[in-house]
PDB file of N, CA and C in Angstrom:
ATOM      1  N   MET A   1       0.816  -1.187   0.000  1.00  0.00           N
ATOM      2  CA  MET A   1       0.000   0.000   0.000  1.00  0.00           C
ATOM      3  C   MET A   1       0.865   1.258   0.000  1.00  0.00           C
ATOM      4  N   LEU A   2       1.964   1.220   0.728  1.00  0.00           N
ATOM      5  CA  LEU A   2       2.832   2.402   0.753  1.00  0.00           C
ATOM      6  C   LEU A   2       3.411   2.706  -0.619  1.00  0.00           C
ATOM      7  N   GLY A   3       3.664   1.668  -1.391  1.00  0.00           N
ATOM      8  CA  GLY A   3       4.147   1.886  -2.760  1.00  0.00           C
ATOM      9  C   GLY A   3       3.118   2.607  -3.602  1.00  0.00           C
ATOM     10  N   GLY A   4       1.859   2.254  -3.429  1.00  0.00           N
ATOM     11  CA  GLY A   4       0.777   2.905  -4.165  1.00  0.00           C
ATOM     12  C   GLY A   4       0.622   4.364  -3.780  1.00  0.00           C
ATOM     13  N   VAL A   5       0.729   4.641  -2.490  1.00  0.00           N
ATOM     14  CA  VAL A   5       0.640   6.036  -2.019  1.00  0.00           C
ATOM     15  C   VAL A   5       1.812   6.834  -2.568  1.00  0.00           C
ATOM     16  N   GLY A   6       2.988   6.231  -2.563  1.00  0.00           N
ATOM     17  CA  GLY A   6       4.161   6.900  -3.117  1.00  0.00           C
ATOM     18  C   GLY A   6       4.011   7.198  -4.601  1.00  0.00           C
ATOM     19  N   ALA A   7       3.459   6.237  -5.337  1.00  0.00           N
ATOM     20  CA  ALA A   7       3.235   6.451  -6.775  1.00  0.00           C
ATOM     21  C   ALA A   7       2.212   7.554  -7.006  1.00  0.00           C
ATOM     22  N   LEU A   8       1.146   7.557  -6.212  1.00  0.00           N
ATOM     23  CA  LEU A   8       0.116   8.579  -6.350  1.00  0.00           C
ATOM     24  C   LEU A   8       0.690   9.966  -6.060  1.00  0.00           C
ATOM     25  N   LEU A   9       1.428  10.089  -4.960  1.00  0.00           N
ATOM     26  CA  LEU A   9       2.006  11.393  -4.599  1.00  0.00           C
ATOM     27  C   LEU A   9       3.085  11.822  -5.588  1.00  0.00           C
ATOM     28  N   GLY A  10       3.877  10.870  -6.040  1.00  0.00           N
ATOM     29  CA  GLY A  10       4.913  11.188  -7.012  1.00  0.00           C
ATOM     30  C   GLY A  10       4.329  11.692  -8.324  1.00  0.00           C
ATOM     31  N   THR A  11       3.270  11.052  -8.775  1.00  0.00           N
ATOM     32  CA  THR A  11       2.616  11.482 -10.008  1.00  0.00           C
ATOM     33  C   THR A  11       1.939  12.837  -9.821  1.00  0.00           C
ATOM     34  N   ALA A  12       1.275  13.009  -8.680  1.00  0.00           N
ATOM     35  CA  ALA A  12       0.583  14.281  -8.411  1.00  0.00           C
ATOM     36  C   ALA A  12       1.565  15.445  -8.342  1.00  0.00           C
ATOM     37  N   SER A  13       2.770  15.189  -7.871  1.00  0.00           N
ATOM     38  CA  SER A  13       3.745  16.269  -7.737  1.00  0.00           C
ATOM     39  C   SER A  13       4.234  16.791  -9.082  1.00  0.00           C
ATOM     40  N   THR A  14       3.972  16.055 -10.165  1.00  0.00           N
ATOM     41  CA  THR A  14       4.409  16.506 -11.486  1.00  0.00           C
ATOM     42  C   THR A  14       3.407  17.456 -12.143  1.00  0.00           C
ATOM     43  N   TYR A  15       2.209  17.551 -11.600  1.00  0.00           N
ATOM     44  CA  TYR A  15       1.198  18.459 -12.147  1.00  0.00           C
ATOM     45  C   TYR A  15       1.498  19.893 -11.725  1.00  0.00           C
ATOM     46  N   PRO A  16       1.025  20.881 -12.486  1.00  0.00           N
ATOM     47  CA  PRO A  16       1.235  22.282 -12.096  1.00  0.00           C
ATOM     48  C   PRO A  16       0.686  22.542 -10.693  1.00  0.00           C
ATOM     49  N   GLY A  17       1.486  23.151  -9.858  1.00  0.00           N
ATOM     50  CA  GLY A  17       1.098  23.412  -8.477  1.00  0.00           C
ATOM     51  C   GLY A  17       1.582  22.325  -7.535  1.00  0.00           C
ATOM     52  N   GLY A  18       2.017  21.204  -8.077  1.00  0.00           N
ATOM     53  CA  GLY A  18       2.552  20.114  -7.270  1.00  0.00           C
ATOM     54  C   GLY A  18       1.601  19.688  -6.168  1.00  0.00           C
ATOM     55  N   LEU A  19       2.163  19.428  -4.996  1.00  0.00           N
ATOM     56  CA  LEU A  19       1.346  18.994  -3.872  1.00  0.00           C
ATOM     57  C   LEU A  19       0.746  20.168  -3.112  1.00  0.00           C
ATOM     58  N   GLN A  20       1.034  21.399  -3.540  1.00  0.00           N
ATOM     59  CA  GLN A  20       0.368  22.564  -2.957  1.00  0.00           C
ATOM     60  C   GLN A  20      -1.125  22.527  -3.277  1.00  0.00           C
ATOM     61  N   LEU A  21      -1.458  21.988  -4.450  1.00  0.00           N
ATOM     62  CA  LEU A  21      -2.856  21.793  -4.853  1.00  0.00           C
ATOM     63  C   LEU A  21      -3.205  20.312  -4.644  1.00  0.00           C
ATOM     64  N   PHE A  22      -3.051  19.872  -3.408  1.00  0.00           N
ATOM     65  CA  PHE A  22      -3.126  18.451  -3.060  1.00  0.00           C
ATOM     66  C   PHE A  22      -4.408  17.784  -3.552  1.00  0.00           C
ATOM     67  N   GLN A  23      -5.552  18.315  -3.173  1.00  0.00           N
ATOM     68  CA  GLN A  23      -6.816  17.659  -3.507  1.00  0.00           C
ATOM     69  C   GLN A  23      -7.039  17.603  -5.014  1.00  0.00           C
ATOM     70  N   LYS A  24      -6.745  18.688  -5.698  1.00  0.00           N
ATOM     71  CA  LYS A  24      -6.944  18.721  -7.153  1.00  0.00           C
ATOM     72  C   LYS A  24      -6.011  17.743  -7.858  1.00  0.00           C
ATOM     73  N   ASN A  25      -4.734  17.797  -7.513  1.00  0.00           N
ATOM     74  CA  ASN A  25      -3.757  16.991  -8.239  1.00  0.00           C
ATOM     75  C   ASN A  25      -3.791  15.511  -7.881  1.00  0.00           C
ATOM     76  N   THR A  26      -4.097  15.164  -6.639  1.00  0.00           N
ATOM     77  CA  THR A  26      -4.144  13.746  -6.280  1.00  0.00           C
ATOM     78  C   THR A  26      -5.418  13.067  -6.764  1.00  0.00           C
ATOM     79  N   SER A  27      -6.398  13.828  -7.218  1.00  0.00           N
ATOM     80  CA  SER A  27      -7.621  13.210  -7.736  1.00  0.00           C
ATOM     81  C   SER A  27      -7.613  13.110  -9.263  1.00  0.00           C
ATOM     82  N   GLU A  28      -6.520  13.504  -9.894  1.00  0.00           N
ATOM     83  CA  GLU A  28      -6.400  13.340 -11.347  1.00  0.00           C
ATOM     84  C   GLU A  28      -6.391  11.849 -11.686  1.00  0.00           C
ATOM     85  N   ASN A  29      -7.016  11.496 -12.802  1.00  0.00           N
ATOM     86  CA  ASN A  29      -7.135  10.086 -13.187  1.00  0.00           C
ATOM     87  C   ASN A  29      -5.789   9.366 -13.241  1.00  0.00           C
ATOM     88  N   LEU A  30      -4.795   9.998 -13.836  1.00  0.00           N
ATOM     89  CA  LEU A  30      -3.493   9.350 -13.967  1.00  0.00           C
ATOM     90  C   LEU A  30      -2.866   9.065 -12.601  1.00  0.00           C
ATOM     91  N   CYS A  31      -3.032   9.966 -11.662  1.00  0.00           N
ATOM     92  CA  CYS A  31      -2.484   9.763 -10.317  1.00  0.00           C
ATOM     93  C   CYS A  31      -3.152   8.586  -9.624  1.00  0.00           C
ATOM     94  N   VAL A  32      -4.469   8.538  -9.717  1.00  0.00           N
ATOM     95  CA  VAL A  32      -5.213   7.449  -9.085  1.00  0.00           C
ATOM     96  C   VAL A  32      -4.859   6.114  -9.727  1.00  0.00           C
ATOM     97  N   MET A  33      -4.745   6.089 -11.051  1.00  0.00           N
ATOM     98  CA  MET A  33      -4.384   4.852 -11.737  1.00  0.00           C
ATOM     99  C   MET A  33      -2.968   4.410 -11.374  1.00  0.00           C
ATOM    100  N   ALA A  34      -2.046   5.358 -11.238  1.00  0.00           N
ATOM    101  CA  ALA A  34      -0.675   5.008 -10.861  1.00  0.00           C
ATOM    102  C   ALA A  34      -0.649   4.402  -9.464  1.00  0.00           C
ATOM    103  N   GLY A  35      -1.381   5.010  -8.544  1.00  0.00           N
ATOM    104  CA  GLY A  35      -1.418   4.488  -7.177  1.00  0.00           C
ATOM    105  C   GLY A  35      -2.077   3.126  -7.091  1.00  0.00           C
ATOM    106  N   ALA A  36      -3.216   2.979  -7.732  1.00  0.00           N
ATOM    107  CA  ALA A  36      -3.934   1.708  -7.685  1.00  0.00           C
ATOM    108  C   ALA A  36      -3.156   0.611  -8.406  1.00  0.00           C
ATOM    109  N   GLY A  37      -2.609   0.939  -9.559  1.00  0.00           N
ATOM    110  CA  GLY A  37      -1.845  -0.048 -10.313  1.00  0.00           C
ATOM    111  C   GLY A  37      -0.617  -0.532  -9.568  1.00  0.00           C
ATOM    112  N   THR A  38       0.067   0.380  -8.923  1.00  0.00           N
ATOM    113  CA  THR A  38       1.246   0.003  -8.146  1.00  0.00           C
ATOM    114  C   THR A  38       0.859  -0.871  -6.962  1.00  0.00           C
ATOM    115  N   SER A  39      -0.211  -0.494  -6.265  1.00  0.00           N
ATOM    116  CA  SER A  39      -0.668  -1.298  -5.129  1.00  0.00           C
ATOM    117  C   SER A  39      -1.054  -2.701  -5.549  1.00  0.00           C
ATOM    118  N   ILE A  40      -1.814  -2.801  -6.626  1.00  0.00           N
ATOM    119  CA  ILE A  40      -2.231  -4.122  -7.106  1.00  0.00           C
ATOM    120  C   ILE A  40      -1.023  -4.924  -7.572  1.00  0.00           C
ATOM    121  N   GLY A  41      -0.104  -4.266  -8.270  1.00  0.00           N
ATOM    122  CA  GLY A  41       1.094  -4.961  -8.734  1.00  0.00           C
ATOM    123  C   GLY A  41       1.954  -5.474  -7.596  1.00  0.00           C
ATOM    124  N   MET A  42       2.098  -4.679  -6.552  1.00  0.00           N
ATOM    125  CA  MET A  42       2.901  -5.104  -5.405  1.00  0.00           C
ATOM    126  C   MET A  42       2.196  -6.222  -4.641  1.00  0.00           C
ATOM    127  N   TRP A  43       0.869  -6.114  -4.522  1.00  0.00           N
ATOM    128  CA  TRP A  43       0.100  -7.161  -3.858  1.00  0.00           C
ATOM    129  C   TRP A  43       0.193  -8.453  -4.654  1.00  0.00           C
ATOM    130  N   ARG A  44       0.128  -8.321  -5.977  1.00  0.00           N
ATOM    131  CA  ARG A  44       0.188  -9.492  -6.864  1.00  0.00           C
ATOM    132  C   ARG A  44       1.522 -10.217  -6.723  1.00  0.00           C
ATOM    133  N   GLN A  45       2.605  -9.479  -6.535  1.00  0.00           N
ATOM    134  CA  GLN A  45       3.918 -10.099  -6.404  1.00  0.00           C
ATOM    135  C   GLN A  45       4.013 -10.976  -5.163  1.00  0.00           C
ATOM    136  N   LYS A  46       3.235 -10.647  -4.142  1.00  0.00           N
ATOM    137  CA  LYS A  46       3.256 -11.439  -2.909  1.00  0.00           C
ATOM    138  C   LYS A  46       2.439 -12.717  -3.028  1.00  0.00           C
ATOM    139  N   LYS A  47       1.513 -12.742  -3.985  1.00  0.00           N
ATOM    140  CA  LYS A  47       0.637 -13.897  -4.149  1.00  0.00           C
ATOM    141  C   LYS A  47       1.209 -14.822  -5.220  1.00  0.00           C
ATOM    142  N   LYS A  48       1.401 -16.071  -4.895  1.00  0.00           N
ATOM    143  CA  LYS A  48       1.914 -17.009  -5.890  1.00  0.00           C
ATOM    144  C   LYS A  48       0.801 -17.522  -6.789  1.00  0.00           C
ATOM    145  N   ASN A  49      -0.345 -17.807  -6.226  1.00  0.00           N
ATOM    146  CA  ASN A  49      -1.488 -18.299  -7.010  1.00  0.00           C
ATOM    147  C   ASN A  49      -2.518 -17.183  -7.082  1.00  0.00           C
ATOM    148  N   PHE A  50      -2.412 -16.367  -8.103  1.00  0.00           N
ATOM    149  CA  PHE A  50      -3.285 -15.206  -8.260  1.00  0.00           C
ATOM    150  C   PHE A  50      -4.682 -15.649  -8.682  1.00  0.00           C
ATOM    151  N   ASN A  51      -5.687 -15.106  -8.012  1.00  0.00           N
ATOM    152  CA  ASN A  51      -7.076 -15.415  -8.308  1.00  0.00           C
ATOM    153  C   ASN A  51      -7.831 -14.093  -8.414  1.00  0.00           C
ATOM    154  N   ILE A  52      -8.463 -13.830  -9.550  1.00  0.00           N
ATOM    155  CA  ILE A  52      -9.153 -12.559  -9.772  1.00  0.00           C
ATOM    156  C   ILE A  52     -10.270 -12.357  -8.756  1.00  0.00           C
ATOM    157  N   GLN A  53     -10.902 -13.422  -8.286  1.00  0.00           N
ATOM    158  CA  GLN A  53     -11.965 -13.288  -7.280  1.00  0.00           C
ATOM    159  C   GLN A  53     -11.409 -12.722  -5.974  1.00  0.00           C
ATOM    160  N   GLU A  54     -10.208 -13.102  -5.594  1.00  0.00           N
ATOM    161  CA  GLU A  54      -9.581 -12.546  -4.404  1.00  0.00           C
ATOM    162  C   GLU A  54      -9.323 -11.064  -4.572  1.00  0.00           C
ATOM    163  N   LEU A  55      -8.932 -10.648  -5.764  1.00  0.00           N
ATOM    164  CA  LEU A  55      -8.673  -9.238  -6.035  1.00  0.00           C
ATOM    165  C   LEU A  55      -9.961  -8.427  -5.907  1.00  0.00           C
ATOM    166  N   ILE A  56     -11.059  -8.952  -6.413  1.00  0.00           N
ATOM    167  CA  ILE A  56     -12.335  -8.256  -6.325  1.00  0.00           C
ATOM    168  C   ILE A  56     -12.759  -8.105  -4.870  1.00  0.00           C
ATOM    169  N   VAL A  57     -12.620  -9.146  -4.081  1.00  0.00           N
ATOM    170  CA  VAL A  57     -12.967  -9.092  -2.657  1.00  0.00           C
ATOM    171  C   VAL A  57     -12.007  -8.155  -1.942  1.00  0.00           C
ATOM    172  N   PHE A  58     -10.724  -8.211  -2.282  1.00  0.00           N
ATOM    173  CA  PHE A  58      -9.703  -7.381  -1.649  1.00  0.00           C
ATOM    174  C   PHE A  58      -9.968  -5.883  -1.883  1.00  0.00           C
ATOM    175  N   SER A  59     -10.501  -5.539  -3.044  1.00  0.00           N
ATOM    176  CA  SER A  59     -10.684  -4.128  -3.385  1.00  0.00           C
ATOM    177  C   SER A  59     -11.961  -3.542  -2.795  1.00  0.00           C
ATOM    178  N   HIS A  60     -12.820  -4.332  -2.198  1.00  0.00           N
ATOM    179  CA  HIS A  60     -14.069  -3.808  -1.634  1.00  0.00           C
ATOM    180  C   HIS A  60     -14.021  -3.720  -0.161  1.00  0.00           C
TER     181      HIS A  60
END
């Protein structure tokens, strides 16, 4: 999860205003996708037998 937060904040910091415009920049689609994708990817690396049903339950 920390990797996802780091990806989200890192991506948001590249937008005009950086993290000074925290709410606006961290809610941009690309930032959210970077954070979620990184979190899922890191979680996936820990699981040897990946099951999409577990991912759906995990995300709710």
